[in-house]
Amino acid sequence: MVHILHIDSSPRAERSHSRTLSYEFITAWKTAHPQDTVTYRDLGHHPVPHVDESWIAAAYTPPEARTPELNEVLKTSDSLVDELLAADCYVFAIPMHNFNVPSTFKAYIDQIVRVRRTFTMDGKGLVEGKKMLIITARGFSYQQDSKWATYDFQEPFLRAIFGFIGITDIRFINAEGINLGEDSRTQSLARAGVAIKDILASW
């Protein structure tokens, strides 16, 4: 039995392409694997807190030296890290905002990239043996031959930060050109649908 952590991060609801695609994947997965389980988190509509000074003080204090107050500060982070570690696979839907991830997803990353929990002080990732699918929706096209290619800070960032904590088996479905007209959007979403079927068959 496989346990999946499914996260949406778009502030949009039914108008969100990334949500629609992630729902398509999860629905097909559950149909094909009814014994598997899914935990769902909606960061776009229910964001997690940004880190602050007390969070940093608590996270970098050894657990045995933390006061009850410092432990309380990390309560949300501990819950998010436990949820991450409990999953075997991840399906994250992340629209591109200003060439990178939405602030809600960055806040989530800051909560789960934790010394002693997901990485060691010498930089070893502790979240190993997991698979990740990231579905993005992007207004422009960021293919290598595109004039926008150098503006894609989203995929390199996500590969780097999740690789840092040990997740290196990452696949991307990038629905690009969403804002370049109806034809471009329709073709891009159709390609994403084909990619979803391919990953469903091989994951």
N, C-alpha and C. Protein backbone atom coordinates (compact mmCIF):
# COMPACT_ATOMS: atom_id res chain seq x y z
N MET A 1 0.84 -1.20 0.00
CA MET A 1 0.00 0.00 0.00
C MET A 1 0.88 1.25 0.00
N VAL A 2 0.52 2.21 -0.85
CA VAL A 2 1.27 3.45 -0.99
C VAL A 2 0.49 4.59 -0.35
N HIS A 3 1.21 5.47 0.33
CA HIS A 3 0.58 6.66 0.92
C HIS A 3 1.10 7.90 0.20
N ILE A 4 0.18 8.70 -0.34
CA ILE A 4 0.52 9.89 -1.11
C ILE A 4 0.16 11.15 -0.33
N LEU A 5 1.06 12.11 -0.35
CA LEU A 5 0.76 13.45 0.15
C LEU A 5 0.46 14.33 -1.06
N HIS A 6 -0.77 14.83 -1.13
CA HIS A 6 -1.24 15.65 -2.25
C HIS A 6 -1.41 17.08 -1.75
N ILE A 7 -0.71 18.02 -2.41
CA ILE A 7 -0.78 19.41 -2.00
C ILE A 7 -1.15 20.28 -3.19
N ASP A 8 -2.15 21.14 -3.00
CA ASP A 8 -2.47 22.21 -3.94
C ASP A 8 -1.99 23.53 -3.34
N SER A 9 -1.51 24.44 -4.19
CA SER A 9 -1.03 25.71 -3.65
C SER A 9 -1.55 26.93 -4.40
N SER A 10 -2.44 26.72 -5.36
CA SER A 10 -2.99 27.86 -6.09
C SER A 10 -4.01 28.60 -5.24
N PRO A 11 -4.02 29.94 -5.29
CA PRO A 11 -5.06 30.70 -4.60
C PRO A 11 -6.41 30.60 -5.31
N ARG A 12 -6.39 30.14 -6.57
CA ARG A 12 -7.63 29.97 -7.30
C ARG A 12 -8.32 28.68 -6.87
N ALA A 13 -9.61 28.60 -7.18
CA ALA A 13 -10.37 27.37 -6.90
C ALA A 13 -10.60 26.64 -8.21
N GLU A 14 -11.84 26.64 -8.72
CA GLU A 14 -12.14 25.88 -9.94
C GLU A 14 -11.46 26.46 -11.17
N ARG A 15 -10.96 27.69 -11.11
CA ARG A 15 -10.26 28.30 -12.24
C ARG A 15 -8.78 27.92 -12.29
N SER A 16 -8.33 27.15 -11.31
CA SER A 16 -6.92 26.78 -11.24
C SER A 16 -6.61 25.59 -12.13
N HIS A 17 -5.68 25.77 -13.05
CA HIS A 17 -5.27 24.66 -13.92
C HIS A 17 -4.43 23.64 -13.17
N SER A 18 -3.57 24.11 -12.27
CA SER A 18 -2.73 23.16 -11.52
C SER A 18 -3.59 22.27 -10.62
N ARG A 19 -4.62 22.86 -10.00
CA ARG A 19 -5.54 22.06 -9.18
C ARG A 19 -6.27 21.02 -10.02
N THR A 20 -6.75 21.45 -11.17
CA THR A 20 -7.49 20.55 -12.04
C THR A 20 -6.63 19.36 -12.46
N LEU A 21 -5.38 19.63 -12.81
CA LEU A 21 -4.48 18.56 -13.25
C LEU A 21 -4.11 17.63 -12.10
N SER A 22 -3.86 18.18 -10.93
CA SER A 22 -3.50 17.32 -9.80
C SER A 22 -4.69 16.45 -9.38
N TYR A 23 -5.90 17.03 -9.46
CA TYR A 23 -7.12 16.26 -9.16
C TYR A 23 -7.29 15.12 -10.17
N GLU A 24 -6.99 15.42 -11.43
CA GLU A 24 -7.08 14.39 -12.47
C GLU A 24 -6.13 13.23 -12.17
N PHE A 25 -4.91 13.58 -11.77
CA PHE A 25 -3.93 12.53 -11.45
C PHE A 25 -4.38 11.71 -10.25
N ILE A 26 -4.73 12.38 -9.17
CA ILE A 26 -5.10 11.68 -7.93
C ILE A 26 -6.35 10.83 -8.13
N THR A 27 -7.32 11.35 -8.85
CA THR A 27 -8.54 10.58 -9.10
C THR A 27 -8.23 9.30 -9.87
N ALA A 28 -7.42 9.42 -10.91
CA ALA A 28 -7.04 8.24 -11.70
C ALA A 28 -6.21 7.27 -10.87
N TRP A 29 -5.34 7.81 -10.02
CA TRP A 29 -4.51 6.94 -9.18
C TRP A 29 -5.38 6.14 -8.21
N LYS A 30 -6.32 6.80 -7.56
CA LYS A 30 -7.17 6.11 -6.59
C LYS A 30 -8.06 5.08 -7.27
N THR A 31 -8.46 5.35 -8.50
CA THR A 31 -9.25 4.37 -9.25
C THR A 31 -8.43 3.13 -9.54
N ALA A 32 -7.17 3.34 -9.92
CA ALA A 32 -6.30 2.21 -10.26
C ALA A 32 -5.73 1.51 -9.02
N HIS A 33 -5.63 2.25 -7.90
CA HIS A 33 -5.03 1.70 -6.68
C HIS A 33 -5.93 2.02 -5.48
N PRO A 34 -7.09 1.41 -5.41
CA PRO A 34 -8.05 1.76 -4.34
C PRO A 34 -7.54 1.46 -2.94
N GLN A 35 -6.52 0.63 -2.81
CA GLN A 35 -6.00 0.30 -1.49
C GLN A 35 -5.06 1.40 -0.96
N ASP A 36 -4.59 2.28 -1.84
CA ASP A 36 -3.66 3.32 -1.42
C ASP A 36 -4.39 4.44 -0.69
N THR A 37 -3.63 5.23 0.06
CA THR A 37 -4.22 6.31 0.85
C THR A 37 -3.62 7.65 0.43
N VAL A 38 -4.40 8.71 0.64
CA VAL A 38 -3.98 10.06 0.25
C VAL A 38 -4.26 11.02 1.40
N THR A 39 -3.26 11.82 1.75
CA THR A 39 -3.45 12.95 2.65
C THR A 39 -3.45 14.21 1.80
N TYR A 40 -4.43 15.06 2.00
CA TYR A 40 -4.57 16.26 1.17
C TYR A 40 -4.36 17.52 2.00
N ARG A 41 -3.61 18.46 1.42
CA ARG A 41 -3.40 19.76 2.06
C ARG A 41 -3.57 20.86 1.02
N ASP A 42 -4.33 21.89 1.37
CA ASP A 42 -4.61 23.01 0.47
C ASP A 42 -3.91 24.26 1.00
N LEU A 43 -2.71 24.50 0.49
CA LEU A 43 -1.94 25.66 0.95
C LEU A 43 -2.45 26.96 0.35
N GLY A 44 -3.10 26.87 -0.81
CA GLY A 44 -3.61 28.08 -1.44
C GLY A 44 -4.74 28.72 -0.67
N HIS A 45 -5.57 27.89 -0.06
CA HIS A 45 -6.72 28.39 0.69
C HIS A 45 -6.51 28.34 2.20
N HIS A 46 -5.55 27.53 2.63
CA HIS A 46 -5.26 27.41 4.07
C HIS A 46 -3.74 27.46 4.27
N PRO A 47 -3.15 28.64 4.12
CA PRO A 47 -1.69 28.76 4.18
C PRO A 47 -1.14 28.48 5.58
N VAL A 48 0.11 28.05 5.59
CA VAL A 48 0.81 27.84 6.86
C VAL A 48 1.58 29.11 7.20
N PRO A 49 1.94 29.29 8.47
CA PRO A 49 2.61 30.54 8.86
C PRO A 49 4.02 30.63 8.28
N HIS A 50 4.45 31.87 8.06
CA HIS A 50 5.85 32.11 7.72
C HIS A 50 6.70 31.95 8.99
N VAL A 51 7.95 31.61 8.79
CA VAL A 51 8.84 31.50 9.95
C VAL A 51 9.15 32.90 10.47
N ASP A 52 9.42 32.97 11.77
CA ASP A 52 9.79 34.24 12.38
C ASP A 52 10.99 34.00 13.31
N GLU A 53 11.35 35.00 14.06
CA GLU A 53 12.55 34.91 14.90
C GLU A 53 12.43 33.80 15.95
N SER A 54 11.26 33.66 16.55
CA SER A 54 11.09 32.63 17.58
C SER A 54 11.17 31.24 16.96
N TRP A 55 10.67 31.08 15.73
CA TRP A 55 10.75 29.79 15.03
C TRP A 55 12.21 29.42 14.81
N ILE A 56 13.00 30.38 14.34
CA ILE A 56 14.42 30.11 14.07
C ILE A 56 15.14 29.72 15.37
N ALA A 57 14.85 30.46 16.44
CA ALA A 57 15.47 30.14 17.73
C ALA A 57 15.11 28.73 18.17
N ALA A 58 13.85 28.35 17.99
CA ALA A 58 13.39 27.02 18.41
C ALA A 58 14.00 25.93 17.54
N ALA A 59 14.02 26.14 16.22
CA ALA A 59 14.50 25.10 15.31
C ALA A 59 15.99 24.81 15.51
N TYR A 60 16.75 25.83 15.88
CA TYR A 60 18.19 25.63 16.04
C TYR A 60 18.62 25.39 17.47
N THR A 61 17.63 25.20 18.35
CA THR A 61 17.92 24.77 19.72
C THR A 61 17.82 23.25 19.77
N PRO A 62 18.81 22.55 20.31
CA PRO A 62 18.70 21.09 20.39
C PRO A 62 17.42 20.70 21.13
N PRO A 63 16.74 19.64 20.66
CA PRO A 63 15.45 19.26 21.26
C PRO A 63 15.49 19.14 22.78
N GLU A 64 16.59 18.58 23.32
CA GLU A 64 16.65 18.38 24.77
C GLU A 64 16.78 19.69 25.54
N ALA A 65 17.12 20.77 24.83
CA ALA A 65 17.31 22.06 25.50
C ALA A 65 16.13 23.01 25.30
N ARG A 66 15.13 22.59 24.54
CA ARG A 66 14.00 23.47 24.26
C ARG A 66 13.07 23.61 25.47
N THR A 67 12.60 24.81 25.66
CA THR A 67 11.58 25.06 26.68
C THR A 67 10.22 24.65 26.12
N PRO A 68 9.21 24.51 26.97
CA PRO A 68 7.86 24.24 26.47
C PRO A 68 7.39 25.30 25.47
N GLU A 69 7.80 26.54 25.69
CA GLU A 69 7.41 27.62 24.79
C GLU A 69 8.03 27.43 23.40
N LEU A 70 9.30 27.01 23.36
CA LEU A 70 9.94 26.77 22.07
C LEU A 70 9.33 25.57 21.35
N ASN A 71 8.98 24.55 22.11
CA ASN A 71 8.30 23.40 21.50
C ASN A 71 6.95 23.80 20.90
N GLU A 72 6.25 24.68 21.57
CA GLU A 72 4.96 25.15 21.06
C GLU A 72 5.12 25.91 19.75
N VAL A 73 6.20 26.68 19.65
CA VAL A 73 6.48 27.44 18.42
C VAL A 73 6.62 26.50 17.22
N LEU A 74 7.19 25.32 17.44
CA LEU A 74 7.46 24.37 16.36
C LEU A 74 6.32 23.38 16.12
N LYS A 75 5.21 23.57 16.80
CA LYS A 75 4.12 22.59 16.72
C LYS A 75 3.63 22.41 15.28
N THR A 76 3.39 23.49 14.56
CA THR A 76 2.93 23.39 13.18
C THR A 76 3.98 22.75 12.30
N SER A 77 5.23 23.19 12.45
CA SER A 77 6.32 22.62 11.66
C SER A 77 6.47 21.14 11.92
N ASP A 78 6.40 20.73 13.18
CA ASP A 78 6.52 19.30 13.51
C ASP A 78 5.43 18.49 12.83
N SER A 79 4.22 19.02 12.84
CA SER A 79 3.10 18.32 12.21
C SER A 79 3.31 18.20 10.70
N LEU A 80 3.79 19.26 10.06
CA LEU A 80 4.03 19.24 8.62
C LEU A 80 5.16 18.29 8.25
N VAL A 81 6.21 18.28 9.05
CA VAL A 81 7.34 17.37 8.79
C VAL A 81 6.89 15.92 8.99
N ASP A 82 6.15 15.66 10.05
CA ASP A 82 5.64 14.29 10.27
C ASP A 82 4.80 13.84 9.09
N GLU A 83 3.96 14.72 8.59
CA GLU A 83 3.11 14.41 7.44
C GLU A 83 3.94 14.11 6.20
N LEU A 84 4.98 14.91 5.99
CA LEU A 84 5.89 14.69 4.85
C LEU A 84 6.59 13.35 4.96
N LEU A 85 7.12 13.04 6.13
CA LEU A 85 7.89 11.81 6.32
C LEU A 85 7.01 10.57 6.24
N ALA A 86 5.73 10.71 6.57
CA ALA A 86 4.83 9.56 6.57
C ALA A 86 4.45 9.13 5.16
N ALA A 87 4.62 10.01 4.19
CA ALA A 87 4.21 9.71 2.81
C ALA A 87 5.31 8.96 2.06
N ASP A 88 4.88 8.13 1.12
CA ASP A 88 5.81 7.44 0.22
C ASP A 88 6.05 8.23 -1.06
N CYS A 89 5.00 8.93 -1.50
CA CYS A 89 5.05 9.70 -2.74
C CYS A 89 4.39 11.06 -2.52
N TYR A 90 4.76 12.00 -3.38
CA TYR A 90 4.21 13.35 -3.28
C TYR A 90 3.67 13.79 -4.63
N VAL A 91 2.49 14.42 -4.61
CA VAL A 91 1.92 15.05 -5.79
C VAL A 91 1.64 16.50 -5.40
N PHE A 92 2.48 17.40 -5.90
CA PHE A 92 2.38 18.81 -5.54
C PHE A 92 1.98 19.63 -6.76
N ALA A 93 0.91 20.39 -6.66
CA ALA A 93 0.45 21.27 -7.73
C ALA A 93 0.85 22.70 -7.39
N ILE A 94 1.69 23.29 -8.25
CA ILE A 94 2.31 24.58 -7.91
C ILE A 94 2.27 25.51 -9.12
N PRO A 95 1.39 26.50 -9.12
CA PRO A 95 1.41 27.46 -10.23
C PRO A 95 2.66 28.32 -10.15
N MET A 96 3.08 28.84 -11.29
CA MET A 96 4.22 29.76 -11.28
C MET A 96 3.72 31.16 -10.96
N HIS A 97 4.34 31.78 -9.96
CA HIS A 97 4.07 33.17 -9.62
C HIS A 97 5.37 33.95 -9.74
N ASN A 98 5.40 34.89 -10.65
CA ASN A 98 6.59 35.73 -10.83
C ASN A 98 7.85 34.89 -10.98
N PHE A 99 7.77 33.88 -11.83
CA PHE A 99 8.89 33.03 -12.23
C PHE A 99 9.31 32.02 -11.16
N ASN A 100 8.56 31.91 -10.07
CA ASN A 100 8.92 30.96 -9.02
C ASN A 100 7.64 30.42 -8.38
N VAL A 101 7.76 29.92 -7.16
CA VAL A 101 6.62 29.32 -6.49
C VAL A 101 5.79 30.40 -5.80
N PRO A 102 4.50 30.14 -5.52
CA PRO A 102 3.70 31.09 -4.73
C PRO A 102 4.28 31.23 -3.33
N SER A 103 4.01 32.36 -2.71
CA SER A 103 4.54 32.60 -1.36
C SER A 103 4.00 31.57 -0.37
N THR A 104 2.79 31.06 -0.62
CA THR A 104 2.22 30.05 0.28
C THR A 104 3.04 28.77 0.25
N PHE A 105 3.54 28.42 -0.93
CA PHE A 105 4.35 27.21 -1.02
C PHE A 105 5.75 27.44 -0.45
N LYS A 106 6.29 28.64 -0.62
CA LYS A 106 7.59 28.96 -0.02
C LYS A 106 7.49 28.89 1.50
N ALA A 107 6.38 29.36 2.06
CA ALA A 107 6.19 29.27 3.52
C ALA A 107 6.18 27.82 3.96
N TYR A 108 5.55 26.96 3.16
CA TYR A 108 5.53 25.53 3.47
C TYR A 108 6.94 24.95 3.44
N ILE A 109 7.70 25.28 2.42
CA ILE A 109 9.08 24.79 2.32
C ILE A 109 9.88 25.21 3.54
N ASP A 110 9.73 26.47 3.95
CA ASP A 110 10.48 26.95 5.11
C ASP A 110 10.09 26.21 6.39
N GLN A 111 8.87 25.71 6.46
CA GLN A 111 8.44 24.95 7.64
C GLN A 111 8.98 23.52 7.64
N ILE A 112 9.20 22.93 6.47
CA ILE A 112 9.60 21.51 6.43
C ILE A 112 11.09 21.29 6.23
N VAL A 113 11.81 22.30 5.76
CA VAL A 113 13.26 22.15 5.62
C VAL A 113 13.87 22.49 6.98
N ARG A 114 14.00 21.47 7.80
CA ARG A 114 14.35 21.61 9.22
C ARG A 114 15.59 20.83 9.57
N VAL A 115 16.54 21.52 10.17
CA VAL A 115 17.73 20.83 10.66
C VAL A 115 17.33 19.80 11.70
N ARG A 116 17.97 18.64 11.63
CA ARG A 116 17.74 17.46 12.49
C ARG A 116 16.45 16.72 12.13
N ARG A 117 15.59 17.30 11.32
CA ARG A 117 14.35 16.62 10.93
C ARG A 117 14.41 16.16 9.48
N THR A 118 14.76 17.08 8.57
CA THR A 118 14.82 16.71 7.15
C THR A 118 16.21 16.88 6.55
N PHE A 119 17.13 17.46 7.29
CA PHE A 119 18.54 17.49 6.87
C PHE A 119 19.42 17.61 8.11
N THR A 120 20.68 17.20 7.96
CA THR A 120 21.63 17.27 9.07
C THR A 120 22.45 18.55 8.97
N MET A 121 23.17 18.84 10.04
CA MET A 121 23.99 20.05 10.07
C MET A 121 25.09 20.03 9.02
N ASP A 122 25.50 18.83 8.59
CA ASP A 122 26.52 18.76 7.54
C ASP A 122 25.91 18.66 6.14
N GLY A 123 24.60 18.89 6.03
CA GLY A 123 23.97 18.99 4.73
C GLY A 123 23.50 17.69 4.12
N LYS A 124 23.32 16.65 4.92
CA LYS A 124 22.81 15.39 4.38
C LYS A 124 21.28 15.38 4.45
N GLY A 125 20.64 15.04 3.34
CA GLY A 125 19.19 14.95 3.32
C GLY A 125 18.71 13.72 4.06
N LEU A 126 17.62 13.85 4.80
CA LEU A 126 17.08 12.75 5.60
C LEU A 126 15.78 12.19 5.05
N VAL A 127 15.31 12.74 3.93
CA VAL A 127 14.04 12.27 3.34
C VAL A 127 14.41 11.50 2.06
N GLU A 128 14.68 10.23 2.22
CA GLU A 128 15.20 9.44 1.11
C GLU A 128 14.21 8.35 0.70
N GLY A 129 14.38 7.86 -0.54
CA GLY A 129 13.55 6.76 -1.03
C GLY A 129 12.13 7.17 -1.36
N LYS A 130 11.89 8.44 -1.64
CA LYS A 130 10.55 8.94 -1.95
C LYS A 130 10.48 9.36 -3.42
N LYS A 131 9.25 9.35 -3.97
CA LYS A 131 9.00 9.83 -5.32
C LYS A 131 8.16 11.09 -5.26
N MET A 132 8.40 11.99 -6.21
CA MET A 132 7.67 13.25 -6.22
C MET A 132 7.23 13.59 -7.65
N LEU A 133 5.97 13.99 -7.79
CA LEU A 133 5.46 14.55 -9.03
C LEU A 133 5.06 16.00 -8.75
N ILE A 134 5.60 16.92 -9.54
CA ILE A 134 5.26 18.32 -9.41
C ILE A 134 4.54 18.76 -10.69
N ILE A 135 3.33 19.29 -10.52
CA ILE A 135 2.53 19.77 -11.64
C ILE A 135 2.49 21.29 -11.56
N THR A 136 2.96 21.95 -12.61
CA THR A 136 2.95 23.40 -12.61
C THR A 136 2.04 23.93 -13.71
N ALA A 137 1.55 25.15 -13.52
CA ALA A 137 0.81 25.88 -14.56
C ALA A 137 1.52 27.21 -14.73
N ARG A 138 1.86 27.54 -16.00
CA ARG A 138 2.69 28.71 -16.27
C ARG A 138 2.08 29.55 -17.39
N GLY A 139 2.13 30.84 -17.24
CA GLY A 139 1.54 31.72 -18.23
C GLY A 139 2.25 31.71 -19.57
N PHE A 140 3.60 31.64 -19.51
CA PHE A 140 4.41 31.63 -20.72
C PHE A 140 5.04 30.25 -20.91
N SER A 141 5.82 30.11 -21.97
CA SER A 141 6.57 28.88 -22.21
C SER A 141 8.02 29.11 -21.81
N TYR A 142 8.57 28.16 -21.09
CA TYR A 142 9.94 28.29 -20.58
C TYR A 142 10.85 27.20 -21.14
N GLN A 143 10.49 26.65 -22.31
CA GLN A 143 11.34 25.67 -22.97
C GLN A 143 12.69 26.29 -23.29
N GLN A 144 13.69 25.44 -23.54
CA GLN A 144 15.06 25.92 -23.75
C GLN A 144 15.17 26.94 -24.86
N ASP A 145 14.36 26.80 -25.91
CA ASP A 145 14.46 27.70 -27.05
C ASP A 145 13.58 28.94 -26.90
N SER A 146 12.94 29.10 -25.75
CA SER A 146 12.06 30.24 -25.52
C SER A 146 12.84 31.42 -24.97
N LYS A 147 12.37 32.61 -25.29
CA LYS A 147 13.02 33.82 -24.75
C LYS A 147 12.82 33.93 -23.25
N TRP A 148 11.86 33.14 -22.71
CA TRP A 148 11.59 33.19 -21.28
C TRP A 148 12.36 32.12 -20.50
N ALA A 149 13.16 31.32 -21.18
CA ALA A 149 13.81 30.17 -20.54
C ALA A 149 14.64 30.57 -19.33
N THR A 150 15.35 31.68 -19.42
CA THR A 150 16.22 32.08 -18.30
C THR A 150 15.45 32.60 -17.10
N TYR A 151 14.14 32.80 -17.28
CA TYR A 151 13.32 33.29 -16.18
C TYR A 151 12.70 32.17 -15.35
N ASP A 152 12.96 30.94 -15.72
CA ASP A 152 12.39 29.82 -14.97
C ASP A 152 13.24 29.53 -13.74
N PHE A 153 12.86 30.16 -12.64
CA PHE A 153 13.52 29.90 -11.36
C PHE A 153 12.74 28.87 -10.54
N GLN A 154 11.59 28.46 -11.07
CA GLN A 154 10.72 27.55 -10.32
C GLN A 154 11.24 26.12 -10.30
N GLU A 155 11.40 25.51 -11.47
CA GLU A 155 11.85 24.11 -11.50
C GLU A 155 13.25 23.94 -10.91
N PRO A 156 14.24 24.79 -11.27
CA PRO A 156 15.56 24.63 -10.63
C PRO A 156 15.51 24.75 -9.11
N PHE A 157 14.71 25.70 -8.63
CA PHE A 157 14.59 25.87 -7.17
C PHE A 157 14.00 24.64 -6.51
N LEU A 158 12.91 24.13 -7.09
CA LEU A 158 12.25 22.97 -6.49
C LEU A 158 13.15 21.73 -6.53
N ARG A 159 13.85 21.53 -7.63
CA ARG A 159 14.80 20.40 -7.68
C ARG A 159 15.89 20.56 -6.63
N ALA A 160 16.38 21.78 -6.46
CA ALA A 160 17.47 22.02 -5.51
C ALA A 160 17.02 21.84 -4.07
N ILE A 161 15.89 22.44 -3.70
CA ILE A 161 15.48 22.41 -2.28
C ILE A 161 15.03 21.02 -1.86
N PHE A 162 14.30 20.32 -2.74
CA PHE A 162 13.88 18.97 -2.36
C PHE A 162 15.04 17.99 -2.46
N GLY A 163 15.95 18.23 -3.41
CA GLY A 163 17.15 17.41 -3.47
C GLY A 163 18.00 17.58 -2.22
N PHE A 164 18.02 18.80 -1.68
CA PHE A 164 18.79 19.07 -0.47
C PHE A 164 18.32 18.22 0.70
N ILE A 165 17.00 17.97 0.79
CA ILE A 165 16.51 17.15 1.91
C ILE A 165 16.43 15.66 1.54
N GLY A 166 16.90 15.32 0.33
CA GLY A 166 17.04 13.91 -0.02
C GLY A 166 16.09 13.39 -1.07
N ILE A 167 15.17 14.23 -1.56
CA ILE A 167 14.20 13.78 -2.58
C ILE A 167 14.76 14.12 -3.96
N THR A 168 15.23 13.13 -4.67
CA THR A 168 15.84 13.36 -5.98
C THR A 168 15.06 12.73 -7.12
N ASP A 169 14.14 11.82 -6.81
CA ASP A 169 13.31 11.19 -7.85
C ASP A 169 12.09 12.08 -8.08
N ILE A 170 12.29 13.13 -8.89
CA ILE A 170 11.27 14.15 -9.10
C ILE A 170 10.92 14.22 -10.59
N ARG A 171 9.62 14.17 -10.88
CA ARG A 171 9.15 14.35 -12.25
C ARG A 171 8.27 15.59 -12.32
N PHE A 172 8.36 16.29 -13.43
CA PHE A 172 7.60 17.52 -13.62
C PHE A 172 6.63 17.38 -14.78
N ILE A 173 5.44 17.91 -14.59
CA ILE A 173 4.51 18.16 -15.70
C ILE A 173 4.27 19.67 -15.70
N ASN A 174 4.80 20.34 -16.70
CA ASN A 174 4.68 21.79 -16.78
C ASN A 174 3.66 22.17 -17.86
N ALA A 175 2.50 22.64 -17.43
CA ALA A 175 1.49 23.13 -18.37
C ALA A 175 1.85 24.58 -18.69
N GLU A 176 2.47 24.79 -19.85
CA GLU A 176 3.03 26.09 -20.19
C GLU A 176 2.18 26.81 -21.23
N GLY A 177 2.39 28.13 -21.31
CA GLY A 177 1.67 28.92 -22.30
C GLY A 177 0.21 29.10 -22.01
N ILE A 178 -0.15 29.02 -20.74
CA ILE A 178 -1.57 29.11 -20.35
C ILE A 178 -2.17 30.46 -20.73
N ASN A 179 -1.36 31.51 -20.69
CA ASN A 179 -1.87 32.85 -20.96
C ASN A 179 -1.60 33.32 -22.38
N LEU A 180 -1.23 32.42 -23.27
CA LEU A 180 -0.87 32.80 -24.64
C LEU A 180 -2.01 32.53 -25.63
N GLY A 181 -3.21 32.55 -25.15
CA GLY A 181 -4.36 32.35 -26.02
C GLY A 181 -5.01 31.00 -25.82
N GLU A 182 -6.24 30.89 -26.31
CA GLU A 182 -7.02 29.68 -26.08
C GLU A 182 -6.39 28.45 -26.70
N ASP A 183 -5.86 28.58 -27.93
CA ASP A 183 -5.25 27.43 -28.59
C ASP A 183 -4.05 26.92 -27.80
N SER A 184 -3.19 27.85 -27.38
CA SER A 184 -2.01 27.47 -26.61
C SER A 184 -2.41 26.78 -25.31
N ARG A 185 -3.39 27.33 -24.62
CA ARG A 185 -3.85 26.75 -23.35
C ARG A 185 -4.43 25.35 -23.57
N THR A 186 -5.25 25.21 -24.59
CA THR A 186 -5.88 23.92 -24.86
C THR A 186 -4.83 22.87 -25.19
N GLN A 187 -3.86 23.22 -26.03
CA GLN A 187 -2.82 22.28 -26.41
C GLN A 187 -1.94 21.91 -25.20
N SER A 188 -1.62 22.90 -24.39
CA SER A 188 -0.77 22.65 -23.23
C SER A 188 -1.45 21.73 -22.23
N LEU A 189 -2.73 21.96 -21.97
CA LEU A 189 -3.46 21.11 -21.03
C LEU A 189 -3.62 19.69 -21.57
N ALA A 190 -3.78 19.60 -22.90
CA ALA A 190 -3.87 18.26 -23.51
C ALA A 190 -2.55 17.51 -23.36
N ARG A 191 -1.43 18.20 -23.56
CA ARG A 191 -0.12 17.56 -23.38
C ARG A 191 0.07 17.14 -21.93
N ALA A 192 -0.38 17.97 -21.01
CA ALA A 192 -0.28 17.63 -19.58
C ALA A 192 -1.10 16.38 -19.27
N GLY A 193 -2.28 16.28 -19.90
CA GLY A 193 -3.11 15.10 -19.69
C GLY A 193 -2.44 13.83 -20.18
N VAL A 194 -1.75 13.92 -21.31
CA VAL A 194 -1.00 12.76 -21.82
C VAL A 194 0.14 12.41 -20.86
N ALA A 195 0.83 13.43 -20.36
CA ALA A 195 1.93 13.19 -19.42
C ALA A 195 1.43 12.53 -18.14
N ILE A 196 0.26 12.92 -17.69
CA ILE A 196 -0.34 12.30 -16.50
C ILE A 196 -0.56 10.81 -16.74
N LYS A 197 -1.12 10.47 -17.89
CA LYS A 197 -1.35 9.05 -18.22
C LYS A 197 -0.04 8.27 -18.28
N ASP A 198 1.01 8.89 -18.84
CA ASP A 198 2.32 8.23 -18.93
C ASP A 198 2.88 7.94 -17.53
N ILE A 199 2.77 8.93 -16.63
CA ILE A 199 3.31 8.75 -15.29
C ILE A 199 2.48 7.74 -14.50
N LEU A 200 1.17 7.78 -14.68
CA LEU A 200 0.31 6.79 -14.02
C LEU A 200 0.70 5.38 -14.41
N ALA A 201 1.15 5.20 -15.65
CA ALA A 201 1.51 3.87 -16.13
C ALA A 201 2.88 3.42 -15.66
N SER A 202 3.72 4.37 -15.25
CA SER A 202 5.11 4.01 -14.93
C SER A 202 5.51 4.23 -13.49
N TRP A 203 4.69 4.90 -12.70
CA TRP A 203 5.06 5.21 -11.32
C TRP A 203 5.00 3.99 -10.43
